[in-house]
Structures are given as structure tokens and as C-alpha cells.
PDB file of N, CA and C in Angstrom:
ATOM      1  N   MET A   1     -22.459  -0.296  -1.041  1.00  0.00           N
ATOM      2  CA  MET A   1     -21.353   0.239  -0.243  1.00  0.00           C
ATOM      3  C   MET A   1     -20.375   0.966  -1.177  1.00  0.00           C
ATOM      4  N   GLU A   2     -19.973   2.133  -0.785  1.00  0.00           N
ATOM      5  CA  GLU A   2     -19.053   2.941  -1.578  1.00  0.00           C
ATOM      6  C   GLU A   2     -17.631   2.381  -1.493  1.00  0.00           C
ATOM      7  N   THR A   3     -16.959   2.335  -2.644  1.00  0.00           N
ATOM      8  CA  THR A   3     -15.565   1.904  -2.684  1.00  0.00           C
ATOM      9  C   THR A   3     -14.680   3.096  -2.368  1.00  0.00           C
ATOM     10  N   LYS A   4     -13.746   2.896  -1.454  1.00  0.00           N
ATOM     11  CA  LYS A   4     -12.766   3.932  -1.127  1.00  0.00           C
ATOM     12  C   LYS A   4     -11.412   3.359  -1.510  1.00  0.00           C
ATOM     13  N   LEU A   5     -10.756   3.989  -2.451  1.00  0.00           N
ATOM     14  CA  LEU A   5      -9.499   3.466  -2.969  1.00  0.00           C
ATOM     15  C   LEU A   5      -8.290   4.053  -2.247  1.00  0.00           C
ATOM     16  N   ILE A   6      -7.360   3.159  -1.930  1.00  0.00           N
ATOM     17  CA  ILE A   6      -6.047   3.535  -1.433  1.00  0.00           C
ATOM     18  C   ILE A   6      -5.030   2.740  -2.243  1.00  0.00           C
ATOM     19  N   TYR A   7      -3.767   3.156  -2.192  1.00  0.00           N
ATOM     20  CA  TYR A   7      -2.757   2.571  -3.061  1.00  0.00           C
ATOM     21  C   TYR A   7      -1.501   2.199  -2.285  1.00  0.00           C
ATOM     22  N   LYS A   8      -0.881   1.120  -2.733  1.00  0.00           N
ATOM     23  CA  LYS A   8       0.370   0.652  -2.146  1.00  0.00           C
ATOM     24  C   LYS A   8       1.358   0.390  -3.272  1.00  0.00           C
ATOM     25  N   ILE A   9       2.549   0.960  -3.156  1.00  0.00           N
ATOM     26  CA  ILE A   9       3.652   0.648  -4.063  1.00  0.00           C
ATOM     27  C   ILE A   9       4.517  -0.366  -3.329  1.00  0.00           C
ATOM     28  N   CYS A  10       4.796  -1.478  -3.975  1.00  0.00           N
ATOM     29  CA  CYS A  10       5.642  -2.490  -3.335  1.00  0.00           C
ATOM     30  C   CYS A  10       6.533  -3.163  -4.364  1.00  0.00           C
ATOM     31  N   ALA A  11       7.532  -3.842  -3.880  1.00  0.00           N
ATOM     32  CA  ALA A  11       8.440  -4.586  -4.751  1.00  0.00           C
ATOM     33  C   ALA A  11       7.699  -5.776  -5.355  1.00  0.00           C
ATOM     34  N   ARG A  12       8.000  -6.083  -6.581  1.00  0.00           N
ATOM     35  CA  ARG A  12       7.377  -7.214  -7.274  1.00  0.00           C
ATOM     36  C   ARG A  12       7.560  -8.512  -6.487  1.00  0.00           C
ATOM     37  N   ALA A  13       8.746  -8.724  -5.916  1.00  0.00           N
ATOM     38  CA  ALA A  13       9.013  -9.939  -5.141  1.00  0.00           C
ATOM     39  C   ALA A  13       8.121 -10.004  -3.899  1.00  0.00           C
ATOM     40  N   GLU A  14       7.874  -8.867  -3.254  1.00  0.00           N
ATOM     41  CA  GLU A  14       6.985  -8.838  -2.091  1.00  0.00           C
ATOM     42  C   GLU A  14       5.570  -9.235  -2.484  1.00  0.00           C
ATOM     43  N   TRP A  15       5.104  -8.728  -3.614  1.00  0.00           N
ATOM     44  CA  TRP A  15       3.755  -9.028  -4.068  1.00  0.00           C
ATOM     45  C   TRP A  15       3.636 -10.502  -4.469  1.00  0.00           C
ATOM     46  N   SER A  16       4.648 -11.028  -5.124  1.00  0.00           N
ATOM     47  CA  SER A  16       4.647 -12.458  -5.472  1.00  0.00           C
ATOM     48  C   SER A  16       4.577 -13.318  -4.217  1.00  0.00           C
ATOM     49  N   ALA A  17       5.319 -12.945  -3.191  1.00  0.00           N
ATOM     50  CA  ALA A  17       5.294 -13.679  -1.924  1.00  0.00           C
ATOM     51  C   ALA A  17       3.912 -13.589  -1.280  1.00  0.00           C
ATOM     52  N   ALA A  18       3.287 -12.424  -1.363  1.00  0.00           N
ATOM     53  CA  ALA A  18       1.947 -12.247  -0.800  1.00  0.00           C
ATOM     54  C   ALA A  18       0.931 -13.135  -1.513  1.00  0.00           C
ATOM     55  N   LEU A  19       1.036 -13.208  -2.828  1.00  0.00           N
ATOM     56  CA  LEU A  19       0.124 -14.063  -3.587  1.00  0.00           C
ATOM     57  C   LEU A  19       0.279 -15.522  -3.172  1.00  0.00           C
ATOM     58  N   ALA A  20       1.499 -15.939  -2.951  1.00  0.00           N
ATOM     59  CA  ALA A  20       1.754 -17.320  -2.527  1.00  0.00           C
ATOM     60  C   ALA A  20       1.257 -17.568  -1.102  1.00  0.00           C
ATOM     61  N   ALA A  21       1.367 -16.555  -0.237  1.00  0.00           N
ATOM     62  CA  ALA A  21       0.993 -16.700   1.172  1.00  0.00           C
ATOM     63  C   ALA A  21      -0.506 -16.502   1.419  1.00  0.00           C
ATOM     64  N   GLY A  22      -1.166 -15.780   0.516  1.00  0.00           N
ATOM     65  CA  GLY A  22      -2.591 -15.521   0.692  1.00  0.00           C
ATOM     66  C   GLY A  22      -2.929 -14.194   1.334  1.00  0.00           C
ATOM     67  N   SER A  23      -1.911 -13.411   1.712  1.00  0.00           N
ATOM     68  CA  SER A  23      -2.119 -12.066   2.247  1.00  0.00           C
ATOM     69  C   SER A  23      -0.792 -11.311   2.186  1.00  0.00           C
ATOM     70  N   TYR A  24      -0.892  -9.997   2.273  1.00  0.00           N
ATOM     71  CA  TYR A  24       0.303  -9.148   2.227  1.00  0.00           C
ATOM     72  C   TYR A  24       0.533  -8.574   3.619  1.00  0.00           C
ATOM     73  N   THR A  25       1.715  -8.829   4.163  1.00  0.00           N
ATOM     74  CA  THR A  25       2.032  -8.347   5.512  1.00  0.00           C
ATOM     75  C   THR A  25       2.871  -7.078   5.501  1.00  0.00           C
ATOM     76  N   GLY A  26       3.272  -6.625   4.318  1.00  0.00           N
ATOM     77  CA  GLY A  26       3.995  -5.372   4.207  1.00  0.00           C
ATOM     78  C   GLY A  26       5.480  -5.550   3.954  1.00  0.00           C
ATOM     79  N   SER A  27       6.127  -4.435   3.739  1.00  0.00           N
ATOM     80  CA  SER A  27       7.560  -4.384   3.475  1.00  0.00           C
ATOM     81  C   SER A  27       8.331  -4.371   4.791  1.00  0.00           C
ATOM     82  N   ALA A  28       9.641  -4.374   4.690  1.00  0.00           N
ATOM     83  CA  ALA A  28      10.481  -4.244   5.886  1.00  0.00           C
ATOM     84  C   ALA A  28      10.210  -2.912   6.587  1.00  0.00           C
ATOM     85  N   ASP A  29      10.009  -1.848   5.810  1.00  0.00           N
ATOM     86  CA  ASP A  29       9.691  -0.543   6.405  1.00  0.00           C
ATOM     87  C   ASP A  29       8.351  -0.586   7.131  1.00  0.00           C
ATOM     88  N   ASP A  30       7.371  -1.275   6.537  1.00  0.00           N
ATOM     89  CA  ASP A  30       6.067  -1.413   7.185  1.00  0.00           C
ATOM     90  C   ASP A  30       6.216  -2.151   8.520  1.00  0.00           C
ATOM     91  N   ALA A  31       6.968  -3.252   8.496  1.00  0.00           N
ATOM     92  CA  ALA A  31       7.174  -4.041   9.719  1.00  0.00           C
ATOM     93  C   ALA A  31       7.856  -3.198  10.797  1.00  0.00           C
ATOM     94  N   ARG A  32       8.838  -2.402  10.399  1.00  0.00           N
ATOM     95  CA  ARG A  32       9.538  -1.528  11.351  1.00  0.00           C
ATOM     96  C   ARG A  32       8.584  -0.530  11.995  1.00  0.00           C
ATOM     97  N   ASP A  33       7.669   0.008  11.197  1.00  0.00           N
ATOM     98  CA  ASP A  33       6.770   1.054  11.684  1.00  0.00           C
ATOM     99  C   ASP A  33       5.513   0.514  12.368  1.00  0.00           C
ATOM    100  N   GLY A  34       5.226  -0.780  12.182  1.00  0.00           N
ATOM    101  CA  GLY A  34       4.079  -1.385  12.850  1.00  0.00           C
ATOM    102  C   GLY A  34       2.765  -1.266  12.103  1.00  0.00           C
ATOM    103  N   PHE A  35       2.809  -0.842  10.854  1.00  0.00           N
ATOM    104  CA  PHE A  35       1.612  -0.745  10.025  1.00  0.00           C
ATOM    105  C   PHE A  35       2.032  -0.750   8.561  1.00  0.00           C
ATOM    106  N   ILE A  36       1.062  -1.015   7.674  1.00  0.00           N
ATOM    107  CA  ILE A  36       1.339  -0.975   6.238  1.00  0.00           C
ATOM    108  C   ILE A  36       1.024   0.427   5.735  1.00  0.00           C
ATOM    109  N   HIS A  37       2.012   1.037   5.103  1.00  0.00           N
ATOM    110  CA  HIS A  37       1.870   2.379   4.541  1.00  0.00           C
ATOM    111  C   HIS A  37       1.085   2.340   3.232  1.00  0.00           C
ATOM    112  N   PHE A  38       0.124   3.223   3.101  1.00  0.00           N
ATOM    113  CA  PHE A  38      -0.633   3.405   1.865  1.00  0.00           C
ATOM    114  C   PHE A  38      -0.624   4.881   1.505  1.00  0.00           C
ATOM    115  N   SER A  39      -1.093   5.180   0.303  1.00  0.00           N
ATOM    116  CA  SER A  39      -1.266   6.555  -0.149  1.00  0.00           C
ATOM    117  C   SER A  39      -2.642   6.687  -0.773  1.00  0.00           C
ATOM    118  N   THR A  40      -3.155   7.903  -0.781  1.00  0.00           N
ATOM    119  CA  THR A  40      -4.342   8.200  -1.571  1.00  0.00           C
ATOM    120  C   THR A  40      -3.878   8.458  -3.001  1.00  0.00           C
ATOM    121  N   ALA A  41      -4.807   8.575  -3.927  1.00  0.00           N
ATOM    122  CA  ALA A  41      -4.437   8.864  -5.314  1.00  0.00           C
ATOM    123  C   ALA A  41      -3.661  10.175  -5.401  1.00  0.00           C
ATOM    124  N   ALA A  42      -4.051  11.173  -4.637  1.00  0.00           N
ATOM    125  CA  ALA A  42      -3.391  12.475  -4.675  1.00  0.00           C
ATOM    126  C   ALA A  42      -1.977  12.428  -4.098  1.00  0.00           C
ATOM    127  N   GLN A  43      -1.694  11.473  -3.234  1.00  0.00           N
ATOM    128  CA  GLN A  43      -0.389  11.362  -2.580  1.00  0.00           C
ATOM    129  C   GLN A  43       0.581  10.447  -3.313  1.00  0.00           C
ATOM    130  N   LEU A  44       0.092   9.710  -4.278  1.00  0.00           N
ATOM    131  CA  LEU A  44       0.865   8.647  -4.910  1.00  0.00           C
ATOM    132  C   LEU A  44       2.144   9.124  -5.586  1.00  0.00           C
ATOM    133  N   GLU A  45       2.072  10.185  -6.345  1.00  0.00           N
ATOM    134  CA  GLU A  45       3.253  10.672  -7.082  1.00  0.00           C
ATOM    135  C   GLU A  45       4.365  11.115  -6.135  1.00  0.00           C
ATOM    136  N   ALA A  46       4.009  11.835  -5.081  1.00  0.00           N
ATOM    137  CA  ALA A  46       5.023  12.291  -4.120  1.00  0.00           C
ATOM    138  C   ALA A  46       5.632  11.108  -3.370  1.00  0.00           C
ATOM    139  N   THR A  47       4.822  10.119  -3.038  1.00  0.00           N
ATOM    140  CA  THR A  47       5.335   8.908  -2.373  1.00  0.00           C
ATOM    141  C   THR A  47       6.319   8.187  -3.289  1.00  0.00           C
ATOM    142  N   ALA A  48       5.949   8.037  -4.544  1.00  0.00           N
ATOM    143  CA  ALA A  48       6.829   7.364  -5.512  1.00  0.00           C
ATOM    144  C   ALA A  48       8.157   8.100  -5.646  1.00  0.00           C
ATOM    145  N   ALA A  49       8.097   9.420  -5.748  1.00  0.00           N
ATOM    146  CA  ALA A  49       9.314  10.211  -5.909  1.00  0.00           C
ATOM    147  C   ALA A  49      10.215  10.131  -4.678  1.00  0.00           C
ATOM    148  N   LYS A  50       9.629  10.157  -3.503  1.00  0.00           N
ATOM    149  CA  LYS A  50      10.420  10.183  -2.272  1.00  0.00           C
ATOM    150  C   LYS A  50      11.010   8.822  -1.908  1.00  0.00           C
ATOM    151  N   TYR A  51      10.246   7.752  -2.095  1.00  0.00           N
ATOM    152  CA  TYR A  51      10.669   6.452  -1.584  1.00  0.00           C
ATOM    153  C   TYR A  51      11.035   5.416  -2.643  1.00  0.00           C
ATOM    154  N   PHE A  52      10.669   5.653  -3.900  1.00  0.00           N
ATOM    155  CA  PHE A  52      10.867   4.611  -4.910  1.00  0.00           C
ATOM    156  C   PHE A  52      11.564   5.107  -6.176  1.00  0.00           C
ATOM    157  N   ALA A  53      12.204   6.239  -6.105  1.00  0.00           N
ATOM    158  CA  ALA A  53      12.874   6.817  -7.274  1.00  0.00           C
ATOM    159  C   ALA A  53      13.914   5.849  -7.833  1.00  0.00           C
ATOM    160  N   GLY A  54      13.900   5.685  -9.142  1.00  0.00           N
ATOM    161  CA  GLY A  54      14.899   4.875  -9.825  1.00  0.00           C
ATOM    162  C   GLY A  54      14.656   3.376  -9.774  1.00  0.00           C
ATOM    163  N   ARG A  55      13.611   2.925  -9.119  1.00  0.00           N
ATOM    164  CA  ARG A  55      13.343   1.484  -9.025  1.00  0.00           C
ATOM    165  C   ARG A  55      12.454   1.029 -10.167  1.00  0.00           C
ATOM    166  N   ALA A  56      12.770  -0.135 -10.706  1.00  0.00           N
ATOM    167  CA  ALA A  56      12.002  -0.677 -11.828  1.00  0.00           C
ATOM    168  C   ALA A  56      11.277  -1.959 -11.458  1.00  0.00           C
ATOM    169  N   ASP A  57      11.430  -2.422 -10.229  1.00  0.00           N
ATOM    170  CA  ASP A  57      10.867  -3.714  -9.796  1.00  0.00           C
ATOM    171  C   ASP A  57       9.590  -3.531  -8.987  1.00  0.00           C
ATOM    172  N   LEU A  58       8.751  -2.567  -9.351  1.00  0.00           N
ATOM    173  CA  LEU A  58       7.627  -2.186  -8.507  1.00  0.00           C
ATOM    174  C   LEU A  58       6.271  -2.603  -9.072  1.00  0.00           C
ATOM    175  N   VAL A  59       5.335  -2.769  -8.142  1.00  0.00           N
ATOM    176  CA  VAL A  59       3.945  -3.072  -8.458  1.00  0.00           C
ATOM    177  C   VAL A  59       3.086  -2.041  -7.730  1.00  0.00           C
ATOM    178  N   LEU A  60       2.031  -1.593  -8.385  1.00  0.00           N
ATOM    179  CA  LEU A  60       1.070  -0.692  -7.763  1.00  0.00           C
ATOM    180  C   LEU A  60      -0.194  -1.487  -7.451  1.00  0.00           C
ATOM    181  N   LEU A  61      -0.567  -1.490  -6.176  1.00  0.00           N
ATOM    182  CA  LEU A  61      -1.786  -2.157  -5.745  1.00  0.00           C
ATOM    183  C   LEU A  61      -2.878  -1.119  -5.550  1.00  0.00           C
ATOM    184  N   GLU A  62      -4.032  -1.381  -6.138  1.00  0.00           N
ATOM    185  CA  GLU A  62      -5.213  -0.551  -5.921  1.00  0.00           C
ATOM    186  C   GLU A  62      -6.114  -1.328  -4.960  1.00  0.00           C
ATOM    187  N   VAL A  63      -6.400  -0.735  -3.815  1.00  0.00           N
ATOM    188  CA  VAL A  63      -7.062  -1.451  -2.731  1.00  0.00           C
ATOM    189  C   VAL A  63      -8.398  -0.788  -2.386  1.00  0.00           C
ATOM    190  N   ASP A  64      -9.415  -1.623  -2.219  1.00  0.00           N
ATOM    191  CA  ASP A  64     -10.719  -1.163  -1.757  1.00  0.00           C
ATOM    192  C   ASP A  64     -10.687  -1.149  -0.232  1.00  0.00           C
ATOM    193  N   ALA A  65     -10.595   0.028   0.338  1.00  0.00           N
ATOM    194  CA  ALA A  65     -10.459   0.164   1.792  1.00  0.00           C
ATOM    195  C   ALA A  65     -11.688  -0.344   2.542  1.00  0.00           C
ATOM    196  N   THR A  66     -12.837  -0.416   1.883  1.00  0.00           N
ATOM    197  CA  THR A  66     -14.035  -0.920   2.562  1.00  0.00           C
ATOM    198  C   THR A  66     -13.968  -2.429   2.779  1.00  0.00           C
ATOM    199  N   GLN A  67     -13.018  -3.108   2.139  1.00  0.00           N
ATOM    200  CA  GLN A  67     -12.888  -4.559   2.265  1.00  0.00           C
ATOM    201  C   GLN A  67     -11.824  -4.983   3.281  1.00  0.00           C
ATOM    202  N   LEU A  68     -11.244  -4.027   3.972  1.00  0.00           N
ATOM    203  CA  LEU A  68     -10.200  -4.345   4.950  1.00  0.00           C
ATOM    204  C   LEU A  68     -10.814  -4.830   6.256  1.00  0.00           C
ATOM    205  N   ARG A  69     -10.162  -5.781   6.879  1.00  0.00           N
ATOM    206  CA  ARG A  69     -10.637  -6.336   8.154  1.00  0.00           C
ATOM    207  C   ARG A  69      -9.947  -5.677   9.344  1.00  0.00           C
ATOM    208  N   SER A  70      -8.734  -5.222   9.140  1.00  0.00           N
ATOM    209  CA  SER A  70      -7.950  -4.601  10.212  1.00  0.00           C
ATOM    210  C   SER A  70      -8.175  -3.091  10.203  1.00  0.00           C
ATOM    211  N   PRO A  71      -7.860  -2.436  11.310  1.00  0.00           N
ATOM    212  CA  PRO A  71      -8.064  -0.980  11.386  1.00  0.00           C
ATOM    213  C   PRO A  71      -7.224  -0.208  10.360  1.00  0.00           C
ATOM    214  N   LEU A  72      -7.878   0.719   9.686  1.00  0.00           N
ATOM    215  CA  LEU A  72      -7.220   1.654   8.768  1.00  0.00           C
ATOM    216  C   LEU A  72      -7.364   3.038   9.394  1.00  0.00           C
ATOM    217  N   ARG A  73      -6.226   3.671   9.647  1.00  0.00           N
ATOM    218  CA  ARG A  73      -6.243   4.992  10.268  1.00  0.00           C
ATOM    219  C   ARG A  73      -5.537   5.987   9.359  1.00  0.00           C
ATOM    220  N   PHE A  74      -6.107   7.161   9.238  1.00  0.00           N
ATOM    221  CA  PHE A  74      -5.465   8.249   8.504  1.00  0.00           C
ATOM    222  C   PHE A  74      -4.701   9.070   9.542  1.00  0.00           C
ATOM    223  N   GLU A  75      -3.370   9.020   9.420  1.00  0.00           N
ATOM    224  CA  GLU A  75      -2.516   9.628  10.430  1.00  0.00           C
ATOM    225  C   GLU A  75      -1.532  10.596   9.790  1.00  0.00           C
ATOM    226  N   PRO A  76      -1.109  11.618  10.551  1.00  0.00           N
ATOM    227  CA  PRO A  76      -0.171  12.606  10.010  1.00  0.00           C
ATOM    228  C   PRO A  76       1.175  11.977   9.656  1.00  0.00           C
ATOM    229  N   SER A  77       1.697  12.418   8.520  1.00  0.00           N
ATOM    230  CA  SER A  77       3.025  11.984   8.086  1.00  0.00           C
ATOM    231  C   SER A  77       3.713  13.190   7.481  1.00  0.00           C
ATOM    232  N   ARG A  78       4.214  13.054   6.245  1.00  0.00           N
ATOM    233  CA  ARG A  78       4.943  14.149   5.597  1.00  0.00           C
ATOM    234  C   ARG A  78       4.192  15.476   5.716  1.00  0.00           C
ATOM    235  N   GLY A  79       4.814  16.424   6.363  1.00  0.00           N
ATOM    236  CA  GLY A  79       4.241  17.767   6.451  1.00  0.00           C
ATOM    237  C   GLY A  79       2.893  17.820   7.143  1.00  0.00           C
ATOM    238  N   GLY A  80       2.580  16.809   7.954  1.00  0.00           N
ATOM    239  CA  GLY A  80       1.302  16.794   8.655  1.00  0.00           C
ATOM    240  C   GLY A  80       0.153  16.255   7.825  1.00  0.00           C
ATOM    241  N   GLU A  81       0.416  15.902   6.567  1.00  0.00           N
ATOM    242  CA  GLU A  81      -0.628  15.355   5.699  1.00  0.00           C
ATOM    243  C   GLU A  81      -1.071  13.992   6.221  1.00  0.00           C
ATOM    244  N   LEU A  82      -2.361  13.708   6.129  1.00  0.00           N
ATOM    245  CA  LEU A  82      -2.907  12.449   6.619  1.00  0.00           C
ATOM    246  C   LEU A  82      -2.747  11.340   5.576  1.00  0.00           C
ATOM    247  N   PHE A  83      -2.099  10.258   5.992  1.00  0.00           N
ATOM    248  CA  PHE A  83      -1.875   9.102   5.126  1.00  0.00           C
ATOM    249  C   PHE A  83      -2.584   7.886   5.706  1.00  0.00           C
ATOM    250  N   PRO A  84      -3.102   6.994   4.841  1.00  0.00           N
ATOM    251  CA  PRO A  84      -3.737   5.775   5.335  1.00  0.00           C
ATOM    252  C   PRO A  84      -2.702   4.755   5.802  1.00  0.00           C
ATOM    253  N   HIS A  85      -2.907   4.245   7.011  1.00  0.00           N
ATOM    254  CA  HIS A  85      -2.031   3.242   7.610  1.00  0.00           C
ATOM    255  C   HIS A  85      -2.894   2.058   8.037  1.00  0.00           C
ATOM    256  N   LEU A  86      -2.538   0.874   7.581  1.00  0.00           N
ATOM    257  CA  LEU A  86      -3.290  -0.333   7.916  1.00  0.00           C
ATOM    258  C   LEU A  86      -2.589  -1.074   9.046  1.00  0.00           C
ATOM    259  N   TYR A  87      -3.302  -1.267  10.145  1.00  0.00           N
ATOM    260  CA  TYR A  87      -2.766  -1.967  11.309  1.00  0.00           C
ATOM    261  C   TYR A  87      -3.212  -3.430  11.261  1.00  0.00           C
ATOM    262  N   GLY A  88      -2.569  -4.176  10.396  1.00  0.00           N
ATOM    263  CA  GLY A  88      -2.879  -5.588  10.201  1.00  0.00           C
ATOM    264  C   GLY A  88      -2.443  -5.999   8.808  1.00  0.00           C
ATOM    265  N   VAL A  89      -2.875  -7.171   8.400  1.00  0.00           N
ATOM    266  CA  VAL A  89      -2.485  -7.663   7.081  1.00  0.00           C
ATOM    267  C   VAL A  89      -3.470  -7.186   6.022  1.00  0.00           C
ATOM    268  N   LEU A  90      -2.990  -7.135   4.800  1.00  0.00           N
ATOM    269  CA  LEU A  90      -3.825  -6.779   3.658  1.00  0.00           C
ATOM    270  C   LEU A  90      -4.353  -8.072   3.045  1.00  0.00           C
ATOM    271  N   PRO A  91      -5.663  -8.320   3.137  1.00  0.00           N
ATOM    272  CA  PRO A  91      -6.218  -9.518   2.516  1.00  0.00           C
ATOM    273  C   PRO A  91      -6.260  -9.355   0.997  1.00  0.00           C
ATOM    274  N   LEU A  92      -5.975 -10.405   0.288  1.00  0.00           N
ATOM    275  CA  LEU A  92      -5.910 -10.324  -1.173  1.00  0.00           C
ATOM    276  C   LEU A  92      -7.240  -9.937  -1.799  1.00  0.00           C
ATOM    277  N   HIS A  93      -8.345 -10.300  -1.181  1.00  0.00           N
ATOM    278  CA  HIS A  93      -9.646  -9.965  -1.771  1.00  0.00           C
ATOM    279  C   HIS A  93      -9.893  -8.450  -1.806  1.00  0.00           C
ATOM    280  N   ALA A  94      -9.169  -7.677  -1.015  1.00  0.00           N
ATOM    281  CA  ALA A  94      -9.328  -6.218  -1.011  1.00  0.00           C
ATOM    282  C   ALA A  94      -8.555  -5.543  -2.139  1.00  0.00           C
ATOM    283  N   VAL A  95      -7.662  -6.279  -2.788  1.00  0.00           N
ATOM    284  CA  VAL A  95      -6.852  -5.717  -3.874  1.00  0.00           C
ATOM    285  C   VAL A  95      -7.635  -5.819  -5.171  1.00  0.00           C
ATOM    286  N   LEU A  96      -8.022  -4.669  -5.716  1.00  0.00           N
ATOM    287  CA  LEU A  96      -8.807  -4.627  -6.948  1.00  0.00           C
ATOM    288  C   LEU A  96      -7.947  -4.834  -8.178  1.00  0.00           C
ATOM    289  N   SER A  97      -6.710  -4.347  -8.126  1.00  0.00           N
ATOM    290  CA  SER A  97      -5.796  -4.533  -9.249  1.00  0.00           C
ATOM    291  C   SER A  97      -4.363  -4.431  -8.783  1.00  0.00           C
ATOM    292  N   SER A  98      -3.509  -5.081  -9.538  1.00  0.00           N
ATOM    293  CA  SER A  98      -2.062  -4.967  -9.326  1.00  0.00           C
ATOM    294  C   SER A  98      -1.440  -4.869 -10.702  1.00  0.00           C
ATOM    295  N   LYS A  99      -0.580  -3.890 -10.867  1.00  0.00           N
ATOM    296  CA  LYS A  99       0.048  -3.690 -12.177  1.00  0.00           C
ATOM    297  C   LYS A  99       1.451  -3.163 -12.002  1.00  0.00           C
ATOM    298  N   PRO A 100       2.299  -3.426 -12.977  1.00  0.00           N
ATOM    299  CA  PRO A 100       3.653  -2.885 -12.906  1.00  0.00           C
ATOM    300  C   PRO A 100       3.604  -1.369 -12.749  1.00  0.00           C
ATOM    301  N   PHE A 101       4.497  -0.852 -11.929  1.00  0.00           N
ATOM    302  CA  PHE A 101       4.517   0.585 -11.667  1.00  0.00           C
ATOM    303  C   PHE A 101       5.868   1.146 -12.078  1.00  0.00           C
ATOM    304  N   ALA A 102       5.824   2.075 -12.979  1.00  0.00           N
ATOM    305  CA  ALA A 102       7.030   2.773 -13.408  1.00  0.00           C
ATOM    306  C   ALA A 102       6.701   4.262 -13.468  1.00  0.00           C
ATOM    307  N   ARG A 103       7.636   5.052 -13.037  1.00  0.00           N
ATOM    308  CA  ARG A 103       7.415   6.492 -13.068  1.00  0.00           C
ATOM    309  C   ARG A 103       7.901   7.077 -14.370  1.00  0.00           C
TER     310      ARG A 103
END
């Protein structure tokens, strides 16, 4: 099965809570919107600049989209560009890596 990578930038505290809980349910913004926001590799830099500028408490999650149990939809967002949105929780087994993220 081919691995399809998507990425999530999140606060370190959110990721620590997810590790303790056994899954990641998303940020406050994700909860407001009804899905977990992700980016492709090509979208990552613009997402970081727009939503996370100046923050030092961040983690970058690399996620294997083929391991997700909930629906993943690519939907229009900034400028009509299609972004991956997960309608459900992110299971920890789908996260291939997590590392500090600094721009």
C-alpha cells in the first residue's frame, strides 16, 4: 500500500495531551470548523506563515493518510486550493513522526 503523507502543525501541549489520551482530536480551531486541518508538503510553508508565525511551541506531525479510519477529504480553502481535512480523530498509529517545528 502506498503511503500518502499529510502534515499537521500543532501546539506542543496539544500533542502531549494527545499522547496521553491515545488520539488527537484537534485544536480549538479544528473543533470550531468540525474537522482537523492538515496540509500537504507543498502547502506547509504557507500554512506556517499564515497561522503560526512567531510561535516557538510547535510540533510538526507527519501522518500516513492511508492509516486513517475517519474520512479524509480534500476541500477548497485558501484561494480555492484543496487542503486535506480529517472528519474524525487522528489515531496515533497513523503518525509516522513528530518533531519540534520552527520556521
